[in-house]
Amino acid sequence: MLAQPPAPAQLLRATDDYGSRLRAEQTHQTRVTTHTPRGQHRQEHDILRRSLGG
């Protein structure tokens, strides 16, 4: 018996509700800062510390 070549991939659905919600939320979470590099570093450190519960 000869093996058949694989069928081409079929795209069943190109989008999903969960992914589209996440992509929509990301634009609201973008922060633009005008701090100096030292102030930016301090702010990022503070955000990281708070996210780790410290």
C-alpha atoms as a PDB file:
ATOM      1  CA  MET A   1       0.000   0.000   0.000  1.00  0.00           C
ATOM      2  CA  LEU A   2       1.374   3.409  -0.984  1.00  0.00           C
ATOM      3  CA  ALA A   3       1.273   6.240   1.574  1.00  0.00           C
ATOM      4  CA  GLN A   4      -0.789   9.221   0.573  1.00  0.00           C
ATOM      5  CA  PRO A   5       0.847  12.649   0.799  1.00  0.00           C
ATOM      6  CA  PRO A   6      -0.480  14.747   3.684  1.00  0.00           C
ATOM      7  CA  ALA A   7      -3.476  16.913   2.922  1.00  0.00           C
ATOM      8  CA  PRO A   8      -2.848  20.658   2.890  1.00  0.00           C
ATOM      9  CA  ALA A   9      -3.480  22.417   6.195  1.00  0.00           C
ATOM     10  CA  GLN A  10      -6.929  23.893   6.595  1.00  0.00           C
ATOM     11  CA  LEU A  11      -7.493  27.126   8.442  1.00  0.00           C
ATOM     12  CA  LEU A  12     -10.586  26.627  10.555  1.00  0.00           C
ATOM     13  CA  ARG A  13     -10.709  30.013  12.216  1.00  0.00           C
ATOM     14  CA  ALA A  14      -8.341  32.962  11.864  1.00  0.00           C
ATOM     15  CA  THR A  15      -9.418  34.876  14.984  1.00  0.00           C
ATOM     16  CA  ASP A  16     -10.684  34.158  18.454  1.00  0.00           C
ATOM     17  CA  ASP A  17     -12.469  36.262  21.044  1.00  0.00           C
ATOM     18  CA  TYR A  18      -9.875  35.766  23.792  1.00  0.00           C
ATOM     19  CA  GLY A  19      -6.937  36.823  21.629  1.00  0.00           C
ATOM     20  CA  SER A  20      -8.739  39.830  20.226  1.00  0.00           C
ATOM     21  CA  ARG A  21      -9.606  41.005  23.757  1.00  0.00           C
ATOM     22  CA  LEU A  22      -5.965  40.672  24.826  1.00  0.00           C
ATOM     23  CA  ARG A  23      -4.736  42.595  21.811  1.00  0.00           C
ATOM     24  CA  ALA A  24      -7.303  45.338  22.446  1.00  0.00           C
ATOM     25  CA  GLU A  25      -6.271  45.637  26.112  1.00  0.00           C
ATOM     26  CA  GLN A  26      -2.574  45.922  25.313  1.00  0.00           C
ATOM     27  CA  THR A  27      -2.996  49.340  23.729  1.00  0.00           C
ATOM     28  CA  HIS A  28      -4.444  50.653  27.001  1.00  0.00           C
ATOM     29  CA  GLN A  29      -1.549  49.249  29.027  1.00  0.00           C
ATOM     30  CA  THR A  30       1.161  51.003  27.023  1.00  0.00           C
ATOM     31  CA  ARG A  31       2.974  53.616  29.061  1.00  0.00           C
ATOM     32  CA  VAL A  32       4.859  56.531  27.630  1.00  0.00           C
ATOM     33  CA  THR A  33       7.322  58.079  30.015  1.00  0.00           C
ATOM     34  CA  THR A  34       9.251  61.300  29.810  1.00  0.00           C
ATOM     35  CA  HIS A  35      11.647  60.543  32.654  1.00  0.00           C
ATOM     36  CA  THR A  36      15.389  60.794  32.403  1.00  0.00           C
ATOM     37  CA  PRO A  37      17.128  57.406  32.065  1.00  0.00           C
ATOM     38  CA  ARG A  38      17.896  57.393  35.798  1.00  0.00           C
ATOM     39  CA  GLY A  39      14.292  58.249  36.654  1.00  0.00           C
ATOM     40  CA  GLN A  40      13.084  55.624  34.170  1.00  0.00           C
ATOM     41  CA  HIS A  41      15.252  52.988  35.859  1.00  0.00           C
ATOM     42  CA  ARG A  42      13.893  53.942  39.263  1.00  0.00           C
ATOM     43  CA  GLN A  43      10.303  53.744  38.005  1.00  0.00           C
ATOM     44  CA  GLU A  44      10.857  50.325  36.376  1.00  0.00           C
ATOM     45  CA  HIS A  45      12.486  49.049  39.557  1.00  0.00           C
ATOM     46  CA  ASP A  46       9.515  50.230  41.596  1.00  0.00           C
ATOM     47  CA  ILE A  47       7.032  48.533  39.211  1.00  0.00           C
ATOM     48  CA  LEU A  48       9.010  45.279  39.365  1.00  0.00           C
ATOM     49  CA  ARG A  49       9.264  45.417  43.168  1.00  0.00           C
ATOM     50  CA  ARG A  50       5.498  45.939  43.509  1.00  0.00           C
ATOM     51  CA  SER A  51       4.712  43.128  41.054  1.00  0.00           C
ATOM     52  CA  LEU A  52       6.834  40.738  43.137  1.00  0.00           C
ATOM     53  CA  GLY A  53       4.959  41.717  46.276  1.00  0.00           C
ATOM     54  CA  GLY A  54       7.780  43.603  47.917  1.00  0.00           C
END
